[in-house]
Amino acid sequence: MRKIIDIDEEIIPKLKIIAAIEGSSVKKIMEKAITHYIEQKQKEQMDSLSLDQKEDLGLLLLMQQANAQSIVNEEELFNS
């Protein structure tokens, strides 16, 4: 997906230098920086959750992985 963004003119030469040192492109350097920033913000958000909120989120993630088409009969449910 292509997006046009404005980048401060002072940052572009720095990005080019980093890209040259890393042997990469400016685009890849920016993608890495953005990915790192997003991961850091997600980590900060997770760290700020209470234990109950973390448990609720874990349950939600497990429920999303469950197969909604799978059927369990009553006997199997209560005898397990």
N, C-alpha and C. Protein backbone atom coordinates (compact mmCIF):
# COMPACT_ATOMS: atom_id res chain seq x y z
N MET A 1 0.85 -1.16 0.00
CA MET A 1 0.00 0.00 0.00
C MET A 1 0.91 1.24 0.00
N ARG A 2 0.65 2.13 -0.88
CA ARG A 2 1.43 3.36 -0.96
C ARG A 2 0.70 4.48 -0.25
N LYS A 3 1.44 5.18 0.59
CA LYS A 3 0.91 6.34 1.29
C LYS A 3 1.91 7.48 1.14
N ILE A 4 1.40 8.64 0.90
CA ILE A 4 2.26 9.82 0.81
C ILE A 4 2.26 10.48 2.18
N ILE A 5 3.47 10.66 2.73
CA ILE A 5 3.60 11.30 4.04
C ILE A 5 4.64 12.42 3.95
N ASP A 6 4.49 13.42 4.77
CA ASP A 6 5.47 14.50 4.84
C ASP A 6 6.49 14.14 5.90
N ILE A 7 7.76 14.24 5.52
CA ILE A 7 8.85 13.95 6.45
C ILE A 7 9.69 15.21 6.58
N ASP A 8 10.04 15.55 7.80
CA ASP A 8 10.87 16.72 8.07
C ASP A 8 12.15 16.63 7.24
N GLU A 9 12.50 17.72 6.60
CA GLU A 9 13.68 17.75 5.72
C GLU A 9 14.98 17.42 6.47
N GLU A 10 15.03 17.67 7.76
CA GLU A 10 16.23 17.37 8.54
C GLU A 10 16.40 15.87 8.79
N ILE A 11 15.31 15.13 8.73
CA ILE A 11 15.36 13.70 9.03
C ILE A 11 15.83 12.88 7.82
N ILE A 12 15.52 13.35 6.63
CA ILE A 12 15.83 12.58 5.42
C ILE A 12 17.33 12.25 5.29
N PRO A 13 18.24 13.22 5.46
CA PRO A 13 19.66 12.86 5.38
C PRO A 13 20.08 11.84 6.44
N LYS A 14 19.49 11.96 7.63
CA LYS A 14 19.81 11.00 8.69
C LYS A 14 19.33 9.61 8.32
N LEU A 15 18.15 9.54 7.74
CA LEU A 15 17.63 8.24 7.29
C LEU A 15 18.53 7.64 6.22
N LYS A 16 19.01 8.47 5.31
CA LYS A 16 19.89 7.99 4.24
C LYS A 16 21.21 7.47 4.80
N ILE A 17 21.74 8.15 5.81
CA ILE A 17 22.98 7.69 6.43
C ILE A 17 22.77 6.35 7.12
N ILE A 18 21.70 6.24 7.89
CA ILE A 18 21.40 4.98 8.58
C ILE A 18 21.21 3.86 7.56
N ALA A 19 20.50 4.15 6.48
CA ALA A 19 20.26 3.14 5.44
C ALA A 19 21.58 2.70 4.81
N ALA A 20 22.49 3.64 4.56
CA ALA A 20 23.78 3.29 3.98
C ALA A 20 24.60 2.42 4.94
N ILE A 21 24.59 2.78 6.21
CA ILE A 21 25.33 2.01 7.21
C ILE A 21 24.76 0.59 7.33
N GLU A 22 23.45 0.49 7.32
CA GLU A 22 22.78 -0.81 7.46
C GLU A 22 22.75 -1.60 6.16
N GLY A 23 23.10 -0.95 5.05
CA GLY A 23 23.04 -1.62 3.76
C GLY A 23 21.60 -1.91 3.36
N SER A 24 20.73 -0.98 3.64
CA SER A 24 19.31 -1.16 3.40
C SER A 24 18.77 0.08 2.70
N SER A 25 17.47 0.08 2.47
CA SER A 25 16.84 1.24 1.85
C SER A 25 16.21 2.12 2.94
N VAL A 26 15.97 3.37 2.58
CA VAL A 26 15.31 4.29 3.51
C VAL A 26 13.94 3.75 3.87
N LYS A 27 13.25 3.19 2.88
CA LYS A 27 11.91 2.63 3.13
C LYS A 27 11.97 1.52 4.19
N LYS A 28 12.94 0.62 4.05
CA LYS A 28 13.07 -0.48 5.03
C LYS A 28 13.42 0.05 6.42
N ILE A 29 14.27 1.05 6.49
CA ILE A 29 14.65 1.65 7.78
C ILE A 29 13.42 2.27 8.44
N MET A 30 12.61 2.97 7.65
CA MET A 30 11.40 3.59 8.20
C MET A 30 10.41 2.51 8.66
N GLU A 31 10.28 1.44 7.87
CA GLU A 31 9.37 0.35 8.26
C GLU A 31 9.83 -0.28 9.57
N LYS A 32 11.14 -0.50 9.71
CA LYS A 32 11.67 -1.07 10.95
C LYS A 32 11.41 -0.15 12.14
N ALA A 33 11.61 1.15 11.93
CA ALA A 33 11.40 2.11 13.01
C ALA A 33 9.93 2.15 13.43
N ILE A 34 9.05 2.13 12.47
CA ILE A 34 7.62 2.17 12.77
C ILE A 34 7.19 0.89 13.47
N THR A 35 7.67 -0.25 12.99
CA THR A 35 7.35 -1.53 13.62
C THR A 35 7.84 -1.55 15.06
N HIS A 36 9.07 -1.08 15.28
CA HIS A 36 9.63 -1.04 16.64
C HIS A 36 8.78 -0.13 17.54
N TYR A 37 8.38 1.02 17.02
CA TYR A 37 7.57 1.96 17.79
C TYR A 37 6.24 1.34 18.18
N ILE A 38 5.58 0.67 17.24
CA ILE A 38 4.29 0.04 17.51
C ILE A 38 4.44 -1.06 18.56
N GLU A 39 5.47 -1.90 18.40
CA GLU A 39 5.70 -2.97 19.38
C GLU A 39 5.95 -2.40 20.78
N GLN A 40 6.71 -1.32 20.85
CA GLN A 40 7.00 -0.69 22.14
C GLN A 40 5.72 -0.15 22.78
N LYS A 41 4.87 0.49 21.99
CA LYS A 41 3.61 1.04 22.51
C LYS A 41 2.68 -0.10 22.97
N GLN A 42 2.65 -1.20 22.21
CA GLN A 42 1.82 -2.34 22.62
C GLN A 42 2.33 -2.92 23.93
N LYS A 43 3.65 -3.01 24.07
CA LYS A 43 4.24 -3.53 25.32
C LYS A 43 3.89 -2.62 26.49
N GLU A 44 4.00 -1.30 26.28
CA GLU A 44 3.65 -0.36 27.34
C GLU A 44 2.18 -0.51 27.73
N GLN A 45 1.33 -0.69 26.73
CA GLN A 45 -0.10 -0.84 27.00
C GLN A 45 -0.36 -2.12 27.78
N MET A 46 0.29 -3.22 27.40
CA MET A 46 0.12 -4.49 28.12
C MET A 46 0.62 -4.38 29.55
N ASP A 47 1.74 -3.71 29.73
CA ASP A 47 2.31 -3.55 31.07
C ASP A 47 1.41 -2.72 31.98
N SER A 48 0.61 -1.84 31.39
CA SER A 48 -0.25 -0.98 32.21
C SER A 48 -1.58 -1.64 32.58
N LEU A 49 -1.87 -2.82 32.00
CA LEU A 49 -3.12 -3.51 32.30
C LEU A 49 -3.07 -4.16 33.69
N SER A 50 -4.21 -4.22 34.35
CA SER A 50 -4.28 -4.93 35.62
C SER A 50 -4.31 -6.43 35.34
N LEU A 51 -4.12 -7.24 36.37
CA LEU A 51 -4.13 -8.69 36.21
C LEU A 51 -5.47 -9.16 35.65
N ASP A 52 -6.58 -8.61 36.14
CA ASP A 52 -7.91 -8.99 35.63
C ASP A 52 -8.04 -8.65 34.15
N GLN A 53 -7.54 -7.48 33.75
CA GLN A 53 -7.63 -7.09 32.35
C GLN A 53 -6.78 -8.01 31.48
N LYS A 54 -5.61 -8.41 31.98
CA LYS A 54 -4.75 -9.34 31.23
C LYS A 54 -5.43 -10.70 31.08
N GLU A 55 -6.09 -11.17 32.15
CA GLU A 55 -6.80 -12.44 32.08
C GLU A 55 -7.97 -12.35 31.08
N ASP A 56 -8.69 -11.24 31.10
CA ASP A 56 -9.80 -11.05 30.16
C ASP A 56 -9.30 -11.03 28.71
N LEU A 57 -8.18 -10.36 28.49
CA LEU A 57 -7.61 -10.31 27.15
C LEU A 57 -7.15 -11.70 26.70
N GLY A 58 -6.54 -12.45 27.60
CA GLY A 58 -6.12 -13.81 27.28
C GLY A 58 -7.30 -14.69 26.92
N LEU A 59 -8.38 -14.57 27.68
CA LEU A 59 -9.59 -15.34 27.39
C LEU A 59 -10.17 -14.94 26.04
N LEU A 60 -10.19 -13.65 25.75
CA LEU A 60 -10.68 -13.18 24.45
C LEU A 60 -9.86 -13.75 23.31
N LEU A 61 -8.54 -13.75 23.46
CA LEU A 61 -7.68 -14.30 22.41
C LEU A 61 -7.92 -15.79 22.23
N LEU A 62 -8.10 -16.52 23.32
CA LEU A 62 -8.40 -17.95 23.21
C LEU A 62 -9.74 -18.19 22.53
N MET A 63 -10.72 -17.38 22.87
CA MET A 63 -12.05 -17.53 22.27
C MET A 63 -11.99 -17.23 20.76
N GLN A 64 -11.15 -16.31 20.35
CA GLN A 64 -11.02 -16.00 18.94
C GLN A 64 -10.39 -17.15 18.17
N GLN A 65 -9.55 -17.94 18.84
CA GLN A 65 -8.90 -19.07 18.19
C GLN A 65 -9.81 -20.30 18.13
N ALA A 66 -10.85 -20.32 18.94
CA ALA A 66 -11.73 -21.48 19.00
C ALA A 66 -12.49 -21.64 17.69
N ASN A 67 -12.76 -22.88 17.35
CA ASN A 67 -13.52 -23.17 16.14
C ASN A 67 -15.00 -23.11 16.46
N ALA A 68 -15.68 -22.12 15.92
CA ALA A 68 -17.11 -21.93 16.20
C ALA A 68 -17.96 -23.01 15.55
N GLN A 69 -17.42 -23.72 14.58
CA GLN A 69 -18.16 -24.76 13.90
C GLN A 69 -18.10 -26.10 14.64
N SER A 70 -17.18 -26.21 15.57
CA SER A 70 -17.01 -27.43 16.34
C SER A 70 -18.13 -27.56 17.37
N ILE A 71 -18.73 -28.74 17.45
CA ILE A 71 -19.84 -28.97 18.39
C ILE A 71 -19.43 -30.04 19.38
N VAL A 72 -19.70 -29.77 20.65
CA VAL A 72 -19.42 -30.72 21.72
C VAL A 72 -20.77 -31.10 22.34
N ASN A 73 -20.99 -32.41 22.48
CA ASN A 73 -22.27 -32.80 23.06
C ASN A 73 -22.26 -32.61 24.58
N GLU A 74 -23.43 -32.59 25.17
CA GLU A 74 -23.58 -32.29 26.59
C GLU A 74 -22.84 -33.29 27.47
N GLU A 75 -22.91 -34.55 27.12
CA GLU A 75 -22.25 -35.58 27.91
C GLU A 75 -20.73 -35.38 27.94
N GLU A 76 -20.15 -35.09 26.79
CA GLU A 76 -18.71 -34.86 26.71
C GLU A 76 -18.31 -33.61 27.49
N LEU A 77 -19.14 -32.59 27.46
CA LEU A 77 -18.85 -31.34 28.16
C LEU A 77 -18.82 -31.53 29.66
N PHE A 78 -19.81 -32.25 30.21
CA PHE A 78 -19.91 -32.38 31.66
C PHE A 78 -19.11 -33.53 32.23
N ASN A 79 -18.64 -34.47 31.40
CA ASN A 79 -17.86 -35.58 31.89
C ASN A 79 -16.36 -35.33 31.80
N SER A 80 -15.94 -34.23 31.22
CA SER A 80 -14.52 -33.95 31.05
C SER A 80 -13.90 -33.37 32.27
